[in-house]
Amino acid sequence: MLAARYTLVYALLMSAVVVASNFLVQFPLTGTLWGISLSDLLTWGAFTYPVAFLITDLTNRQFGPAIARRVVFVGFVVGVALSFWFSAPRIAIASGTAFLIGQLLDISVFNELRRKAWWKAPLAASLVGTIIDTALFFSLAFAPVFAFIGANDDFAIGQAPILGVLATEAPRWVSWALGDLAVKIVVGIVLLLPYGALMNVLKPMPQVPARTA
């Protein structure tokens, strides 16, 4: 009963994060920072999406990989379905594919390291998941080669200096991917703080070995 209740809560939180991130990723930041045009570097989705890995890792720690995968699949179905309503179909497809693969990798890496120091499993899992997720998402969502999924975004595929500062130019989505990845890694590290704080509250259930991360 407790597992079912927590699974529902985690799944709802996951769905909310996915939908919000899918919507926000369509909006580049405006303004400049140290002479760098943020619109060529970042979207708002980079600041919300890493929370999905926190939810997965907390579920995995408390209930184990089977329940964590259940939460991921529920979040995937609900998140993608709602994303078709709140964002473009191509964004929803790209997000769903990247989300599912990235989250399942996160669960696998977490399980391999869960008996190590408390921070190693969530950190390594989120890093691996984030890198794969970001590469898949931005390629599927914006690369012209995947135009069969949906129309290209002219602004996204327009040429601009890489990261807004280098002499070499590339499609804006490449800089978005690099910028988002950097922000997601930083946010992922910061999210170790709430993970550590919640460890004493969301303790592993009896079916999960007591010496877990």
Protein backbone atom coordinates (compact mmCIF):
# COMPACT_ATOMS: atom_id res chain seq x y z
CA MET A 1 0.00 0.00 0.00
CA LEU A 2 2.80 2.40 0.95
CA ALA A 3 4.76 1.53 -2.19
CA ALA A 4 1.69 2.15 -4.36
CA ARG A 5 1.07 5.50 -2.71
CA TYR A 6 4.65 6.65 -3.12
CA THR A 7 4.77 5.34 -6.69
CA LEU A 8 1.80 7.52 -7.56
CA VAL A 9 3.37 10.58 -5.92
CA TYR A 10 6.70 10.02 -7.65
CA ALA A 11 4.98 9.40 -11.00
CA LEU A 12 2.96 12.62 -10.71
CA LEU A 13 6.07 14.59 -9.82
CA MET A 14 7.94 13.03 -12.73
CA SER A 15 5.15 13.86 -15.16
CA ALA A 16 5.05 17.46 -13.98
CA VAL A 17 8.80 17.86 -14.45
CA VAL A 18 8.73 16.36 -17.96
CA VAL A 19 5.84 18.51 -19.13
CA ALA A 20 7.33 21.69 -17.68
CA SER A 21 10.74 20.97 -19.20
CA ASN A 22 9.28 20.15 -22.63
CA PHE A 23 7.48 23.47 -22.61
CA LEU A 24 10.37 25.54 -21.29
CA VAL A 25 12.96 24.08 -23.65
CA GLN A 26 11.27 25.98 -26.48
CA PHE A 27 12.24 29.31 -24.91
CA PRO A 28 15.86 30.49 -25.05
CA LEU A 29 17.10 32.76 -22.29
CA THR A 30 17.32 36.41 -23.26
CA GLY A 31 20.00 38.93 -22.44
CA THR A 32 23.75 38.70 -22.20
CA LEU A 33 26.25 37.48 -19.62
CA TRP A 34 29.86 38.61 -19.85
CA GLY A 35 29.20 39.53 -23.45
CA ILE A 36 27.71 36.12 -24.27
CA SER A 37 24.28 36.04 -25.88
CA LEU A 38 22.25 33.67 -23.71
CA SER A 39 19.77 32.98 -26.51
CA ASP A 40 22.58 31.20 -28.36
CA LEU A 41 23.44 29.14 -25.32
CA LEU A 42 20.59 28.19 -23.01
CA THR A 43 16.91 27.36 -22.76
CA TRP A 44 14.85 27.46 -19.58
CA GLY A 45 14.33 23.70 -19.67
CA ALA A 46 17.91 23.13 -18.54
CA PHE A 47 17.05 24.36 -15.05
CA THR A 48 14.05 22.08 -14.46
CA TYR A 49 14.87 18.80 -16.18
CA PRO A 50 17.59 17.55 -13.78
CA VAL A 51 14.89 17.24 -11.11
CA ALA A 52 13.67 14.16 -13.02
CA PHE A 53 16.90 12.34 -12.16
CA LEU A 54 16.51 13.33 -8.50
CA ILE A 55 13.02 11.80 -8.48
CA THR A 56 14.28 8.60 -10.13
CA ASP A 57 17.20 8.24 -7.72
CA LEU A 58 15.03 8.82 -4.65
CA THR A 59 12.55 6.22 -5.90
CA ASN A 60 15.36 3.78 -6.63
CA ARG A 61 16.88 4.30 -3.20
CA GLN A 62 13.61 3.86 -1.37
CA PHE A 63 11.93 1.08 -3.34
CA GLY A 64 14.54 -0.41 -5.66
CA PRO A 65 14.92 -0.57 -9.46
CA ALA A 66 11.61 -2.28 -10.25
CA ILE A 67 9.53 0.51 -8.72
CA ALA A 68 11.88 3.13 -10.15
CA ARG A 69 11.33 1.74 -13.65
CA ARG A 70 7.58 1.78 -13.04
CA VAL A 71 7.75 5.45 -12.10
CA VAL A 72 9.83 6.18 -15.20
CA PHE A 73 7.38 4.39 -17.49
CA VAL A 74 4.37 6.13 -15.93
CA GLY A 75 6.16 9.46 -16.19
CA PHE A 76 7.08 8.65 -19.78
CA VAL A 77 3.51 7.85 -20.86
CA VAL A 78 1.83 10.70 -19.01
CA GLY A 79 4.59 13.19 -19.76
CA VAL A 80 4.70 12.48 -23.48
CA ALA A 81 0.91 12.47 -23.79
CA LEU A 82 0.63 15.87 -22.10
CA SER A 83 3.65 17.17 -24.00
CA PHE A 84 1.80 16.66 -27.28
CA TRP A 85 -0.71 19.14 -25.91
CA PHE A 86 1.71 21.68 -24.45
CA SER A 87 4.48 21.53 -27.03
CA ALA A 88 5.20 20.61 -30.63
CA PRO A 89 4.90 16.89 -31.54
CA ARG A 90 8.56 16.71 -32.53
CA ILE A 91 9.59 18.07 -29.13
CA ALA A 92 7.35 15.52 -27.42
CA ILE A 93 8.79 12.60 -29.43
CA ALA A 94 12.37 13.72 -28.88
CA SER A 95 11.78 14.26 -25.20
CA GLY A 96 10.06 10.91 -24.71
CA THR A 97 12.83 8.97 -26.43
CA ALA A 98 15.64 10.77 -24.62
CA PHE A 99 13.82 10.64 -21.30
CA LEU A 100 13.18 6.90 -21.40
CA ILE A 101 16.72 5.93 -22.40
CA GLY A 102 18.39 8.43 -20.07
CA GLN A 103 16.29 7.47 -17.05
CA LEU A 104 16.75 3.72 -17.55
CA LEU A 105 20.50 4.26 -17.78
CA ASP A 106 20.33 6.30 -14.60
CA ILE A 107 18.63 3.40 -12.80
CA SER A 108 21.23 0.89 -14.03
CA VAL A 109 24.21 3.03 -13.02
CA PHE A 110 22.65 3.84 -9.64
CA ASN A 111 22.19 0.14 -8.89
CA GLU A 112 25.80 -0.61 -9.72
CA LEU A 113 27.04 2.02 -7.26
CA ARG A 114 24.37 2.04 -4.58
CA ARG A 115 26.63 0.43 -1.96
CA LYS A 116 29.37 3.02 -2.48
CA ALA A 117 29.59 6.39 -0.69
CA TRP A 118 26.13 7.98 -0.54
CA TRP A 119 26.86 10.62 -3.20
CA LYS A 120 28.53 8.39 -5.81
CA ALA A 121 25.41 6.58 -7.05
CA PRO A 122 23.20 9.65 -7.61
CA LEU A 123 26.05 11.71 -9.04
CA ALA A 124 27.33 9.13 -11.52
CA ALA A 125 23.82 8.03 -12.50
CA SER A 126 22.64 11.57 -13.19
CA LEU A 127 25.80 12.44 -15.14
CA VAL A 128 25.50 9.42 -17.44
CA GLY A 129 21.75 9.86 -17.86
CA THR A 130 22.08 13.59 -18.49
CA ILE A 131 24.76 13.25 -21.18
CA ILE A 132 22.84 10.61 -23.13
CA ASP A 133 19.51 12.36 -22.63
CA THR A 134 20.84 15.72 -23.83
CA ALA A 135 22.54 14.28 -26.91
CA LEU A 136 19.42 12.36 -27.93
CA PHE A 137 16.96 15.13 -27.21
CA PHE A 138 18.64 17.98 -29.06
CA SER A 139 19.54 15.79 -32.04
CA LEU A 140 16.02 14.44 -32.43
CA ALA A 141 14.33 17.77 -31.70
CA PHE A 142 16.38 20.08 -33.90
CA ALA A 143 18.85 18.32 -36.23
CA PRO A 144 17.65 18.64 -39.85
CA VAL A 145 18.36 14.94 -40.46
CA PHE A 146 15.40 14.15 -38.21
CA ALA A 147 13.00 16.48 -40.03
CA PHE A 148 10.79 13.47 -40.81
CA ILE A 149 9.66 13.67 -37.16
CA GLY A 150 8.48 17.25 -37.58
CA ALA A 151 9.27 20.57 -39.23
CA ASN A 152 12.65 22.15 -38.60
CA ASP A 153 12.89 25.18 -36.34
CA ASP A 154 14.51 27.90 -38.47
CA PHE A 155 15.93 29.69 -35.45
CA ALA A 156 17.34 26.47 -33.98
CA ILE A 157 19.13 25.45 -37.18
CA GLY A 158 20.38 28.96 -37.94
CA GLN A 159 24.14 29.47 -37.76
CA ALA A 160 25.68 31.24 -34.77
CA PRO A 161 29.07 31.24 -33.00
CA ILE A 162 29.46 28.10 -30.88
CA LEU A 163 28.53 28.97 -27.30
CA GLY A 164 28.15 32.52 -28.51
CA VAL A 165 31.88 33.26 -28.19
CA LEU A 166 33.88 31.00 -30.52
CA ALA A 167 34.82 32.03 -34.04
CA THR A 168 33.52 28.74 -35.44
CA GLU A 169 29.81 28.71 -36.19
CA ALA A 170 27.30 25.88 -35.87
CA PRO A 171 23.52 25.56 -35.71
CA ARG A 172 22.14 27.22 -32.58
CA TRP A 173 20.80 23.88 -31.29
CA VAL A 174 24.39 22.63 -30.93
CA SER A 175 25.20 25.52 -28.58
CA TRP A 176 21.89 24.94 -26.77
CA ALA A 177 22.87 21.31 -26.25
CA LEU A 178 26.31 22.22 -24.90
CA GLY A 179 24.93 25.00 -22.74
CA ASP A 180 22.07 22.90 -21.43
CA LEU A 181 24.43 20.04 -20.65
CA ALA A 182 26.72 22.32 -18.65
CA VAL A 183 23.80 23.77 -16.68
CA LYS A 184 22.24 20.33 -16.10
CA ILE A 185 25.52 19.00 -14.74
CA VAL A 186 25.82 21.95 -12.34
CA VAL A 187 22.17 21.62 -11.27
CA GLY A 188 22.63 17.86 -10.88
CA ILE A 189 25.52 18.45 -8.50
CA VAL A 190 23.50 21.01 -6.54
CA LEU A 191 20.62 18.51 -6.28
CA LEU A 192 22.89 16.24 -4.26
CA LEU A 193 22.04 18.56 -1.36
CA PRO A 194 18.29 17.75 -1.27
CA TYR A 195 19.11 14.10 -2.02
CA GLY A 196 21.38 13.97 1.01
CA ALA A 197 18.85 15.81 3.15
CA LEU A 198 16.06 13.42 2.19
CA MET A 199 18.11 10.27 2.84
CA ASN A 200 17.06 10.24 6.48
CA VAL A 201 13.40 10.75 5.57
CA LEU A 202 12.97 8.46 2.56
CA LYS A 203 14.72 5.39 3.91
CA PRO A 204 14.94 2.11 1.94
CA MET A 205 11.99 -0.19 2.44
CA PRO A 206 12.60 -3.69 3.90
CA GLN A 207 12.85 -5.32 0.46
CA VAL A 208 15.76 -2.99 -0.39
CA PRO A 209 19.14 -3.82 1.24
CA ALA A 210 19.76 -1.53 4.21
CA ARG A 211 23.27 -0.55 3.06
CA THR A 212 22.06 1.23 -0.06
CA ALA A 213 23.13 4.67 -1.17
